[in-house]
């Protein structure tokens, strides 16, 4: 994962409402939620939720499907897993283990 991508994803999640939306969607993954359900659960107006969903969809952190004439939103769990796995292994506690393994191998 490139630094530019990481910065875009983390930047997108630097807005509290977007984090709340992602959390709300992850809680029901893989079923997804309708926009009004999201709005009610995070106590934010529908227009504001829609705006944030549009931004998250633009970065592919959220997707939407029409199911029985209703738009249902889903967190991109695979992308979120990839992002946080990368962050953990390159910037978190796992980095120390990787560095130690490289040093032990003489690389």
PDB file of N, CA and C in Angstrom:
ATOM      1  N   UNK A   1       0.858  -1.170   0.000  1.00  0.00           N
ATOM      2  CA  UNK A   1       0.000   0.000   0.000  1.00  0.00           C
ATOM      3  C   UNK A   1       0.907   1.237   0.000  1.00  0.00           C
ATOM      4  N   UNK A   2       0.633   2.159  -0.879  1.00  0.00           N
ATOM      5  CA  UNK A   2       1.454   3.358  -1.018  1.00  0.00           C
ATOM      6  C   UNK A   2       1.098   4.411   0.026  1.00  0.00           C
ATOM      7  N   UNK A   3       2.103   5.234   0.359  1.00  0.00           N
ATOM      8  CA  UNK A   3       1.913   6.284   1.366  1.00  0.00           C
ATOM      9  C   UNK A   3       0.768   7.224   0.982  1.00  0.00           C
ATOM     10  N   UNK A   4       0.633   7.521  -0.315  1.00  0.00           N
ATOM     11  CA  UNK A   4      -0.430   8.429  -0.767  1.00  0.00           C
ATOM     12  C   UNK A   4      -1.811   7.834  -0.473  1.00  0.00           C
ATOM     13  N   UNK A   5      -1.961   6.534  -0.729  1.00  0.00           N
ATOM     14  CA  UNK A   5      -3.234   5.857  -0.440  1.00  0.00           C
ATOM     15  C   UNK A   5      -3.530   5.869   1.055  1.00  0.00           C
ATOM     16  N   UNK A   6      -2.533   5.543   1.845  1.00  0.00           N
ATOM     17  CA  UNK A   6      -2.707   5.510   3.295  1.00  0.00           C
ATOM     18  C   UNK A   6      -3.156   6.881   3.794  1.00  0.00           C
ATOM     19  N   UNK A   7      -2.501   7.923   3.316  1.00  0.00           N
ATOM     20  CA  UNK A   7      -2.849   9.280   3.734  1.00  0.00           C
ATOM     21  C   UNK A   7      -4.279   9.623   3.345  1.00  0.00           C
ATOM     22  N   UNK A   8      -4.709   9.218   2.162  1.00  0.00           N
ATOM     23  CA  UNK A   8      -6.084   9.502   1.731  1.00  0.00           C
ATOM     24  C   UNK A   8      -7.094   8.785   2.616  1.00  0.00           C
ATOM     25  N   UNK A   9      -6.849   7.505   2.898  1.00  0.00           N
ATOM     26  CA  UNK A   9      -7.785   6.739   3.718  1.00  0.00           C
ATOM     27  C   UNK A   9      -7.835   7.266   5.152  1.00  0.00           C
ATOM     28  N   UNK A  10      -6.668   7.498   5.727  1.00  0.00           N
ATOM     29  CA  UNK A  10      -6.643   8.006   7.099  1.00  0.00           C
ATOM     30  C   UNK A  10      -7.217   9.419   7.164  1.00  0.00           C
ATOM     31  N   UNK A  11      -6.958  10.214   6.127  1.00  0.00           N
ATOM     32  CA  UNK A  11      -7.537  11.556   6.062  1.00  0.00           C
ATOM     33  C   UNK A  11      -9.052  11.497   6.000  1.00  0.00           C
ATOM     34  N   UNK A  12      -9.568  10.543   5.238  1.00  0.00           N
ATOM     35  CA  UNK A  12     -11.024  10.384   5.141  1.00  0.00           C
ATOM     36  C   UNK A  12     -11.621  10.042   6.486  1.00  0.00           C
ATOM     37  N   UNK A  13     -10.870   9.294   7.283  1.00  0.00           N
ATOM     38  CA  UNK A  13     -11.389   8.880   8.581  1.00  0.00           C
ATOM     39  C   UNK A  13     -10.989   9.837   9.699  1.00  0.00           C
ATOM     40  N   UNK A  14     -10.480  11.007   9.338  1.00  0.00           N
ATOM     41  CA  UNK A  14     -10.152  12.005  10.354  1.00  0.00           C
ATOM     42  C   UNK A  14     -11.376  12.834  10.741  1.00  0.00           C
ATOM     43  N   UNK A  15     -12.497  12.535  10.119  1.00  0.00           N
ATOM     44  CA  UNK A  15     -13.759  13.221  10.417  1.00  0.00           C
ATOM     45  C   UNK A  15     -14.616  12.281  11.261  1.00  0.00           C
ATOM     46  N   UNK A  16     -14.997  12.757  12.439  1.00  0.00           N
ATOM     47  CA  UNK A  16     -15.697  11.920  13.413  1.00  0.00           C
ATOM     48  C   UNK A  16     -16.935  11.235  12.829  1.00  0.00           C
ATOM     49  N   UNK A  17     -17.725  11.960  12.060  1.00  0.00           N
ATOM     50  CA  UNK A  17     -18.958  11.384  11.512  1.00  0.00           C
ATOM     51  C   UNK A  17     -18.656  10.201  10.600  1.00  0.00           C
ATOM     52  N   UNK A  18     -17.555  10.278   9.864  1.00  0.00           N
ATOM     53  CA  UNK A  18     -17.196   9.173   8.973  1.00  0.00           C
ATOM     54  C   UNK A  18     -16.784   7.947   9.772  1.00  0.00           C
ATOM     55  N   UNK A  19     -16.067   8.153  10.857  1.00  0.00           N
ATOM     56  CA  UNK A  19     -15.687   7.032  11.720  1.00  0.00           C
ATOM     57  C   UNK A  19     -16.942   6.392  12.310  1.00  0.00           C
ATOM     58  N   UNK A  20     -17.898   7.216  12.719  1.00  0.00           N
ATOM     59  CA  UNK A  20     -19.151   6.691  13.262  1.00  0.00           C
ATOM     60  C   UNK A  20     -19.896   5.881  12.204  1.00  0.00           C
ATOM     61  N   UNK A  21     -19.903   6.354  10.977  1.00  0.00           N
ATOM     62  CA  UNK A  21     -20.575   5.628   9.886  1.00  0.00           C
ATOM     63  C   UNK A  21     -19.894   4.296   9.642  1.00  0.00           C
ATOM     64  N   UNK A  22     -18.567   4.304   9.549  1.00  0.00           N
ATOM     65  CA  UNK A  22     -17.824   3.055   9.324  1.00  0.00           C
ATOM     66  C   UNK A  22     -18.108   2.075  10.461  1.00  0.00           C
ATOM     67  N   UNK A  23     -18.065   2.552  11.684  1.00  0.00           N
ATOM     68  CA  UNK A  23     -18.348   1.689  12.839  1.00  0.00           C
ATOM     69  C   UNK A  23     -19.752   1.109  12.751  1.00  0.00           C
ATOM     70  N   UNK A  24     -20.710   1.941  12.418  1.00  0.00           N
ATOM     71  CA  UNK A  24     -22.103   1.516  12.288  1.00  0.00           C
ATOM     72  C   UNK A  24     -22.248   0.423  11.222  1.00  0.00           C
ATOM     73  N   UNK A  25     -21.515   0.560  10.138  1.00  0.00           N
ATOM     74  CA  UNK A  25     -21.590  -0.423   9.056  1.00  0.00           C
ATOM     75  C   UNK A  25     -20.843  -1.708   9.401  1.00  0.00           C
ATOM     76  N   UNK A  26     -19.726  -1.584  10.092  1.00  0.00           N
ATOM     77  CA  UNK A  26     -18.961  -2.774  10.477  1.00  0.00           C
ATOM     78  C   UNK A  26     -19.750  -3.615  11.475  1.00  0.00           C
ATOM     79  N   UNK A  27     -20.520  -2.963  12.338  1.00  0.00           N
ATOM     80  CA  UNK A  27     -21.302  -3.689  13.346  1.00  0.00           C
ATOM     81  C   UNK A  27     -22.275  -4.681  12.724  1.00  0.00           C
ATOM     82  N   UNK A  28     -22.734  -4.413  11.520  1.00  0.00           N
ATOM     83  CA  UNK A  28     -23.707  -5.309  10.879  1.00  0.00           C
ATOM     84  C   UNK A  28     -23.145  -6.011   9.651  1.00  0.00           C
ATOM     85  N   UNK A  29     -21.860  -5.878   9.456  1.00  0.00           N
ATOM     86  CA  UNK A  29     -21.226  -6.498   8.290  1.00  0.00           C
ATOM     87  C   UNK A  29     -21.473  -7.998   8.330  1.00  0.00           C
ATOM     88  N   UNK A  30     -21.846  -8.619   7.260  1.00  0.00           N
ATOM     89  CA  UNK A  30     -21.890  -8.104   5.892  1.00  0.00           C
ATOM     90  C   UNK A  30     -23.263  -7.622   5.427  1.00  0.00           C
ATOM     91  N   UNK A  31     -24.237  -7.490   6.320  1.00  0.00           N
ATOM     92  CA  UNK A  31     -25.586  -7.142   5.892  1.00  0.00           C
ATOM     93  C   UNK A  31     -25.729  -5.715   5.372  1.00  0.00           C
ATOM     94  N   UNK A  32     -25.051  -4.748   5.960  1.00  0.00           N
ATOM     95  CA  UNK A  32     -25.189  -3.359   5.542  1.00  0.00           C
ATOM     96  C   UNK A  32     -26.383  -2.685   6.186  1.00  0.00           C
ATOM     97  N   UNK A  33     -26.491  -1.375   5.946  1.00  0.00           N
ATOM     98  CA  UNK A  33     -27.595  -0.589   6.514  1.00  0.00           C
ATOM     99  C   UNK A  33     -28.074   0.437   5.496  1.00  0.00           C
ATOM    100  N   UNK A  34     -29.328   0.819   5.650  1.00  0.00           N
ATOM    101  CA  UNK A  34     -29.877   1.916   4.854  1.00  0.00           C
ATOM    102  C   UNK A  34     -29.443   3.246   5.461  1.00  0.00           C
ATOM    103  N   UNK A  35     -29.419   4.289   4.652  1.00  0.00           N
ATOM    104  CA  UNK A  35     -28.941   5.596   5.097  1.00  0.00           C
ATOM    105  C   UNK A  35     -29.726   6.128   6.292  1.00  0.00           C
ATOM    106  N   UNK A  36     -31.035   6.024   6.272  1.00  0.00           N
ATOM    107  CA  UNK A  36     -31.838   6.544   7.379  1.00  0.00           C
ATOM    108  C   UNK A  36     -31.574   5.782   8.678  1.00  0.00           C
ATOM    109  N   UNK A  37     -31.289   4.496   8.558  1.00  0.00           N
ATOM    110  CA  UNK A  37     -30.934   3.694   9.733  1.00  0.00           C
ATOM    111  C   UNK A  37     -29.599   4.177  10.298  1.00  0.00           C
ATOM    112  N   UNK A  38     -28.644   4.440   9.424  1.00  0.00           N
ATOM    113  CA  UNK A  38     -27.350   4.964   9.856  1.00  0.00           C
ATOM    114  C   UNK A  38     -27.552   6.303  10.564  1.00  0.00           C
ATOM    115  N   UNK A  39     -28.317   7.175   9.939  1.00  0.00           N
ATOM    116  CA  UNK A  39     -28.560   8.511  10.499  1.00  0.00           C
ATOM    117  C   UNK A  39     -29.170   8.418  11.895  1.00  0.00           C
ATOM    118  N   UNK A  40     -30.138   7.527  12.061  1.00  0.00           N
ATOM    119  CA  UNK A  40     -30.784   7.377  13.368  1.00  0.00           C
ATOM    120  C   UNK A  40     -29.814   6.837  14.412  1.00  0.00           C
ATOM    121  N   UNK A  41     -28.985   5.899  14.020  1.00  0.00           N
ATOM    122  CA  UNK A  41     -28.055   5.276  14.972  1.00  0.00           C
ATOM    123  C   UNK A  41     -26.934   6.203  15.411  1.00  0.00           C
ATOM    124  N   UNK A  42     -26.487   7.076  14.512  1.00  0.00           N
ATOM    125  CA  UNK A  42     -25.391   7.976  14.905  1.00  0.00           C
ATOM    126  C   UNK A  42     -25.900   9.373  15.231  1.00  0.00           C
ATOM    127  N   UNK A  43     -27.220   9.539  15.192  1.00  0.00           N
ATOM    128  CA  UNK A  43     -27.869  10.796  15.557  1.00  0.00           C
ATOM    129  C   UNK A  43     -27.340  11.981  14.751  1.00  0.00           C
ATOM    130  N   UNK A  44     -27.377  11.808  13.446  1.00  0.00           N
ATOM    131  CA  UNK A  44     -26.941  12.844  12.513  1.00  0.00           C
ATOM    132  C   UNK A  44     -28.014  12.961  11.434  1.00  0.00           C
ATOM    133  N   UNK A  45     -28.208  14.139  10.910  1.00  0.00           N
ATOM    134  CA  UNK A  45     -29.220  14.343   9.883  1.00  0.00           C
ATOM    135  C   UNK A  45     -28.938  13.535   8.624  1.00  0.00           C
ATOM    136  N   UNK A  46     -30.004  13.166   7.936  1.00  0.00           N
ATOM    137  CA  UNK A  46     -29.886  12.341   6.738  1.00  0.00           C
ATOM    138  C   UNK A  46     -29.010  13.000   5.670  1.00  0.00           C
ATOM    139  N   UNK A  47     -29.156  14.301   5.480  1.00  0.00           N
ATOM    140  CA  UNK A  47     -28.357  15.000   4.455  1.00  0.00           C
ATOM    141  C   UNK A  47     -26.873  14.941   4.800  1.00  0.00           C
ATOM    142  N   UNK A  48     -26.546  15.101   6.075  1.00  0.00           N
ATOM    143  CA  UNK A  48     -25.144  15.045   6.498  1.00  0.00           C
ATOM    144  C   UNK A  48     -24.585  13.638   6.329  1.00  0.00           C
ATOM    145  N   UNK A  49     -25.382  12.634   6.666  1.00  0.00           N
ATOM    146  CA  UNK A  49     -24.941  11.244   6.499  1.00  0.00           C
ATOM    147  C   UNK A  49     -24.725  10.951   5.023  1.00  0.00           C
ATOM    148  N   UNK A  50     -25.647  11.399   4.184  1.00  0.00           N
ATOM    149  CA  UNK A  50     -25.514  11.163   2.745  1.00  0.00           C
ATOM    150  C   UNK A  50     -24.220  11.785   2.219  1.00  0.00           C
ATOM    151  N   UNK A  51     -23.936  13.008   2.643  1.00  0.00           N
ATOM    152  CA  UNK A  51     -22.712  13.700   2.203  1.00  0.00           C
ATOM    153  C   UNK A  51     -21.471  12.904   2.609  1.00  0.00           C
ATOM    154  N   UNK A  52     -21.450  12.413   3.836  1.00  0.00           N
ATOM    155  CA  UNK A  52     -20.293  11.651   4.308  1.00  0.00           C
ATOM    156  C   UNK A  52     -20.196  10.295   3.608  1.00  0.00           C
ATOM    157  N   UNK A  53     -21.339   9.662   3.355  1.00  0.00           N
ATOM    158  CA  UNK A  53     -21.340   8.399   2.614  1.00  0.00           C
ATOM    159  C   UNK A  53     -20.782   8.595   1.206  1.00  0.00           C
ATOM    160  N   UNK A  54     -21.160   9.687   0.568  1.00  0.00           N
ATOM    161  CA  UNK A  54     -20.643   9.987  -0.777  1.00  0.00           C
ATOM    162  C   UNK A  54     -19.122  10.097  -0.754  1.00  0.00           C
ATOM    163  N   UNK A  55     -18.592  10.773   0.243  1.00  0.00           N
ATOM    164  CA  UNK A  55     -17.138  10.914   0.361  1.00  0.00           C
ATOM    165  C   UNK A  55     -16.473   9.566   0.591  1.00  0.00           C
ATOM    166  N   UNK A  56     -17.045   8.759   1.470  1.00  0.00           N
ATOM    167  CA  UNK A  56     -16.488   7.443   1.753  1.00  0.00           C
ATOM    168  C   UNK A  56     -16.579   6.522   0.543  1.00  0.00           C
ATOM    169  N   UNK A  57     -17.654   6.646  -0.238  1.00  0.00           N
ATOM    170  CA  UNK A  57     -17.792   5.836  -1.452  1.00  0.00           C
ATOM    171  C   UNK A  57     -16.762   6.265  -2.498  1.00  0.00           C
ATOM    172  N   UNK A  58     -16.473   7.554  -2.547  1.00  0.00           N
ATOM    173  CA  UNK A  58     -15.471   8.048  -3.489  1.00  0.00           C
ATOM    174  C   UNK A  58     -14.102   7.445  -3.258  1.00  0.00           C
ATOM    175  N   UNK A  59     -13.830   7.050  -2.024  1.00  0.00           N
ATOM    176  CA  UNK A  59     -12.562   6.411  -1.683  1.00  0.00           C
ATOM    177  C   UNK A  59     -12.677   4.888  -1.608  1.00  0.00           C
ATOM    178  N   UNK A  60     -13.849   4.380  -1.926  1.00  0.00           N
ATOM    179  CA  UNK A  60     -14.139   2.942  -1.914  1.00  0.00           C
ATOM    180  C   UNK A  60     -14.078   2.329  -0.507  1.00  0.00           C
ATOM    181  N   UNK A  61     -14.202   3.165   0.527  1.00  0.00           N
ATOM    182  CA  UNK A  61     -14.276   2.650   1.887  1.00  0.00           C
ATOM    183  C   UNK A  61     -15.682   2.152   2.202  1.00  0.00           C
ATOM    184  N   UNK A  62     -16.650   2.616   1.420  1.00  0.00           N
ATOM    185  CA  UNK A  62     -18.057   2.221   1.551  1.00  0.00           C
ATOM    186  C   UNK A  62     -18.584   1.955   0.152  1.00  0.00           C
ATOM    187  N   UNK A  63     -19.475   0.978   0.046  1.00  0.00           N
ATOM    188  CA  UNK A  63     -20.151   0.712  -1.227  1.00  0.00           C
ATOM    189  C   UNK A  63     -21.654   0.727  -0.993  1.00  0.00           C
ATOM    190  N   UNK A  64     -22.405   0.761  -2.078  1.00  0.00           N
ATOM    191  CA  UNK A  64     -23.864   0.791  -1.984  1.00  0.00           C
ATOM    192  C   UNK A  64     -24.443  -0.196  -2.989  1.00  0.00           C
ATOM    193  N   UNK A  65     -25.514  -0.851  -2.573  1.00  0.00           N
ATOM    194  CA  UNK A  65     -26.259  -1.757  -3.454  1.00  0.00           C
ATOM    195  C   UNK A  65     -27.737  -1.450  -3.283  1.00  0.00           C
ATOM    196  N   UNK A  66     -28.482  -1.613  -4.352  1.00  0.00           N
ATOM    197  CA  UNK A  66     -29.933  -1.481  -4.267  1.00  0.00           C
ATOM    198  C   UNK A  66     -30.512  -2.861  -3.988  1.00  0.00           C
ATOM    199  N   UNK A  67     -31.207  -2.959  -2.872  1.00  0.00           N
ATOM    200  CA  UNK A  67     -31.839  -4.216  -2.465  1.00  0.00           C
ATOM    201  C   UNK A  67     -33.300  -3.923  -2.197  1.00  0.00           C
ATOM    202  N   UNK A  68     -34.182  -4.557  -2.984  1.00  0.00           N
ATOM    203  CA  UNK A  68     -35.631  -4.358  -2.857  1.00  0.00           C
ATOM    204  C   UNK A  68     -35.984  -2.871  -2.865  1.00  0.00           C
ATOM    205  N   UNK A  69     -35.475  -2.149  -3.836  1.00  0.00           N
ATOM    206  CA  UNK A  69     -35.727  -0.712  -4.029  1.00  0.00           C
ATOM    207  C   UNK A  69     -35.176   0.176  -2.920  1.00  0.00           C
ATOM    208  N   UNK A  70     -34.303  -0.331  -2.083  1.00  0.00           N
ATOM    209  CA  UNK A  70     -33.671   0.457  -1.027  1.00  0.00           C
ATOM    210  C   UNK A  70     -32.161   0.438  -1.230  1.00  0.00           C
ATOM    211  N   UNK A  71     -31.529   1.596  -1.031  1.00  0.00           N
ATOM    212  CA  UNK A  71     -30.075   1.646  -1.097  1.00  0.00           C
ATOM    213  C   UNK A  71     -29.516   1.199   0.246  1.00  0.00           C
ATOM    214  N   UNK A  72     -28.653   0.200   0.191  1.00  0.00           N
ATOM    215  CA  UNK A  72     -28.036  -0.346   1.387  1.00  0.00           C
ATOM    216  C   UNK A  72     -26.526  -0.123   1.272  1.00  0.00           C
ATOM    217  N   UNK A  73     -25.945   0.413   2.350  1.00  0.00           N
ATOM    218  CA  UNK A  73     -24.531   0.770   2.368  1.00  0.00           C
ATOM    219  C   UNK A  73     -23.743  -0.271   3.149  1.00  0.00           C
ATOM    220  N   UNK A  74     -22.527  -0.522   2.677  1.00  0.00           N
ATOM    221  CA  UNK A  74     -21.663  -1.547   3.244  1.00  0.00           C
ATOM    222  C   UNK A  74     -20.267  -0.978   3.441  1.00  0.00           C
ATOM    223  N   UNK A  75     -19.634  -1.335   4.552  1.00  0.00           N
ATOM    224  CA  UNK A  75     -18.223  -0.997   4.749  1.00  0.00           C
ATOM    225  C   UNK A  75     -17.401  -1.929   3.867  1.00  0.00           C
ATOM    226  N   UNK A  76     -16.348  -1.411   3.293  1.00  0.00           N
ATOM    227  CA  UNK A  76     -15.427  -2.231   2.512  1.00  0.00           C
ATOM    228  C   UNK A  76     -14.460  -2.883   3.505  1.00  0.00           C
ATOM    229  N   UNK A  77     -14.903  -3.967   4.105  1.00  0.00           N
ATOM    230  CA  UNK A  77     -14.142  -4.627   5.165  1.00  0.00           C
ATOM    231  C   UNK A  77     -12.774  -5.087   4.669  1.00  0.00           C
ATOM    232  N   UNK A  78     -12.695  -5.549   3.442  1.00  0.00           N
ATOM    233  CA  UNK A  78     -11.412  -6.020   2.910  1.00  0.00           C
ATOM    234  C   UNK A  78     -10.408  -4.875   2.840  1.00  0.00           C
ATOM    235  N   UNK A  79     -10.835  -3.722   2.363  1.00  0.00           N
ATOM    236  CA  UNK A  79      -9.943  -2.570   2.275  1.00  0.00           C
ATOM    237  C   UNK A  79      -9.562  -2.062   3.665  1.00  0.00           C
ATOM    238  N   UNK A  80     -10.535  -1.995   4.566  1.00  0.00           N
ATOM    239  CA  UNK A  80     -10.237  -1.562   5.935  1.00  0.00           C
ATOM    240  C   UNK A  80      -9.268  -2.525   6.615  1.00  0.00           C
ATOM    241  N   UNK A  81      -9.460  -3.822   6.419  1.00  0.00           N
ATOM    242  CA  UNK A  81      -8.538  -4.815   6.982  1.00  0.00           C
ATOM    243  C   UNK A  81      -7.135  -4.622   6.413  1.00  0.00           C
ATOM    244  N   UNK A  82      -7.058  -4.407   5.116  1.00  0.00           N
ATOM    245  CA  UNK A  82      -5.766  -4.204   4.457  1.00  0.00           C
ATOM    246  C   UNK A  82      -5.073  -2.948   5.009  1.00  0.00           C
ATOM    247  N   UNK A  83      -5.828  -1.869   5.143  1.00  0.00           N
ATOM    248  CA  UNK A  83      -5.271  -0.619   5.646  1.00  0.00           C
ATOM    249  C   UNK A  83      -4.728  -0.793   7.060  1.00  0.00           C
ATOM    250  N   UNK A  84      -5.538  -1.339   7.962  1.00  0.00           N
ATOM    251  CA  UNK A  84      -5.108  -1.446   9.346  1.00  0.00           C
ATOM    252  C   UNK A  84      -4.048  -2.525   9.538  1.00  0.00           C
ATOM    253  N   UNK A  85      -4.088  -3.564   8.736  1.00  0.00           N
ATOM    254  CA  UNK A  85      -3.030  -4.570   8.777  1.00  0.00           C
ATOM    255  C   UNK A  85      -1.702  -3.941   8.352  1.00  0.00           C
ATOM    256  N   UNK A  86      -1.738  -3.161   7.288  1.00  0.00           N
ATOM    257  CA  UNK A  86      -0.534  -2.473   6.817  1.00  0.00           C
ATOM    258  C   UNK A  86      -0.013  -1.521   7.889  1.00  0.00           C
ATOM    259  N   UNK A  87      -0.909  -0.747   8.478  1.00  0.00           N
ATOM    260  CA  UNK A  87      -0.501   0.206   9.507  1.00  0.00           C
ATOM    261  C   UNK A  87       0.119  -0.533  10.704  1.00  0.00           C
ATOM    262  N   UNK A  88      -0.486  -1.628  11.101  1.00  0.00           N
ATOM    263  CA  UNK A  88       0.011  -2.400  12.237  1.00  0.00           C
ATOM    264  C   UNK A  88       1.416  -2.937  11.967  1.00  0.00           C
ATOM    265  N   UNK A  89       1.602  -3.502  10.782  1.00  0.00           N
ATOM    266  CA  UNK A  89       2.879  -4.137  10.467  1.00  0.00           C
ATOM    267  C   UNK A  89       3.990  -3.151  10.090  1.00  0.00           C
ATOM    268  N   UNK A  90       3.634  -1.981   9.620  1.00  0.00           N
ATOM    269  CA  UNK A  90       4.658  -1.020   9.214  1.00  0.00           C
ATOM    270  C   UNK A  90       4.883   0.111  10.215  1.00  0.00           C
ATOM    271  N   UNK A  91       3.884   0.396  11.041  1.00  0.00           N
ATOM    272  CA  UNK A  91       3.993   1.522  11.965  1.00  0.00           C
ATOM    273  C   UNK A  91       3.667   1.160  13.404  1.00  0.00           C
ATOM    274  N   UNK A  92       3.136  -0.032  13.637  1.00  0.00           N
ATOM    275  CA  UNK A  92       2.701  -0.433  14.972  1.00  0.00           C
ATOM    276  C   UNK A  92       3.653  -1.412  15.621  1.00  0.00           C
ATOM    277  N   UNK A  93       3.165  -2.131  16.621  1.00  0.00           N
ATOM    278  CA  UNK A  93       4.002  -3.066  17.378  1.00  0.00           C
ATOM    279  C   UNK A  93       4.636  -4.164  16.524  1.00  0.00           C
ATOM    280  N   UNK A  94       3.980  -4.565  15.459  1.00  0.00           N
ATOM    281  CA  UNK A  94       4.527  -5.628  14.614  1.00  0.00           C
ATOM    282  C   UNK A  94       5.790  -5.169  13.897  1.00  0.00           C
ATOM    283  N   UNK A  95       5.971  -3.861  13.769  1.00  0.00           N
ATOM    284  CA  UNK A  95       7.152  -3.314  13.106  1.00  0.00           C
ATOM    285  C   UNK A  95       8.412  -3.737  13.855  1.00  0.00           C
ATOM    286  N   UNK A  96       8.364  -3.693  15.172  1.00  0.00           N
ATOM    287  CA  UNK A  96       9.525  -4.087  15.975  1.00  0.00           C
ATOM    288  C   UNK A  96       9.895  -5.547  15.729  1.00  0.00           C
ATOM    289  N   UNK A  97       8.890  -6.397  15.606  1.00  0.00           N
ATOM    290  CA  UNK A  97       9.141  -7.816  15.349  1.00  0.00           C
ATOM    291  C   UNK A  97       9.762  -8.008  13.977  1.00  0.00           C
ATOM    292  N   UNK A  98       9.252  -7.266  12.980  1.00  0.00           N
ATOM    293  CA  UNK A  98       9.801  -7.374  11.624  1.00  0.00           C
ATOM    294  C   UNK A  98      11.229  -6.858  11.592  1.00  0.00           C
ATOM    295  N   UNK A  99      11.507  -5.744  12.284  1.00  0.00           N
ATOM    296  CA  UNK A  99      12.854  -5.194  12.332  1.00  0.00           C
ATOM    297  C   UNK A  99      13.813  -6.174  12.991  1.00  0.00           C
ATOM    298  N   UNK A 100      13.379  -6.821  14.076  1.00  0.00           N
ATOM    299  CA  UNK A 100      14.210  -7.792  14.772  1.00  0.00           C
ATOM    300  C   UNK A 100      14.493  -8.995  13.890  1.00  0.00           C
ATOM    301  N   UNK A 101      13.510  -9.438  13.134  1.00  0.00           N
ATOM    302  CA  UNK A 101      13.695 -10.568  12.237  1.00  0.00           C
ATOM    303  C   UNK A 101      14.699 -10.238  11.143  1.00  0.00           C
ATOM    304  N   UNK A 102      14.632  -9.025  10.617  1.00  0.00           N
ATOM    305  CA  UNK A 102      15.574  -8.599   9.583  1.00  0.00           C
ATOM    306  C   UNK A 102      16.980  -8.530  10.146  1.00  0.00           C
ATOM    307  N   UNK A 103      17.111  -7.969  11.362  1.00  0.00           N
ATOM    308  CA  UNK A 103      18.435  -7.858  11.993  1.00  0.00           C
ATOM    309  C   UNK A 103      19.010  -9.238  12.286  1.00  0.00           C
ATOM    310  N   UNK A 104      18.178 -10.161  12.735  1.00  0.00           N
ATOM    311  CA  UNK A 104      18.636 -11.511  13.042  1.00  0.00           C
ATOM    312  C   UNK A 104      19.097 -12.247  11.789  1.00  0.00           C
ATOM    313  N   UNK A 105      18.459 -11.919  10.684  1.00  0.00           N
ATOM    314  CA  UNK A 105      18.816 -12.551   9.410  1.00  0.00           C
ATOM    315  C   UNK A 105      19.985 -11.865   8.728  1.00  0.00           C
ATOM    316  N   UNK A 106      20.414 -10.735   9.275  1.00  0.00           N
ATOM    317  CA  UNK A 106      21.543 -10.028   8.691  1.00  0.00           C
ATOM    318  C   UNK A 106      21.204  -9.217   7.468  1.00  0.00           C
ATOM    319  N   UNK A 107      19.929  -8.909   7.279  1.00  0.00           N
ATOM    320  CA  UNK A 107      19.549  -8.115   6.096  1.00  0.00           C
ATOM    321  C   UNK A 107      19.371  -6.681   6.444  1.00  0.00           C
TER     322      UNK A 107
END
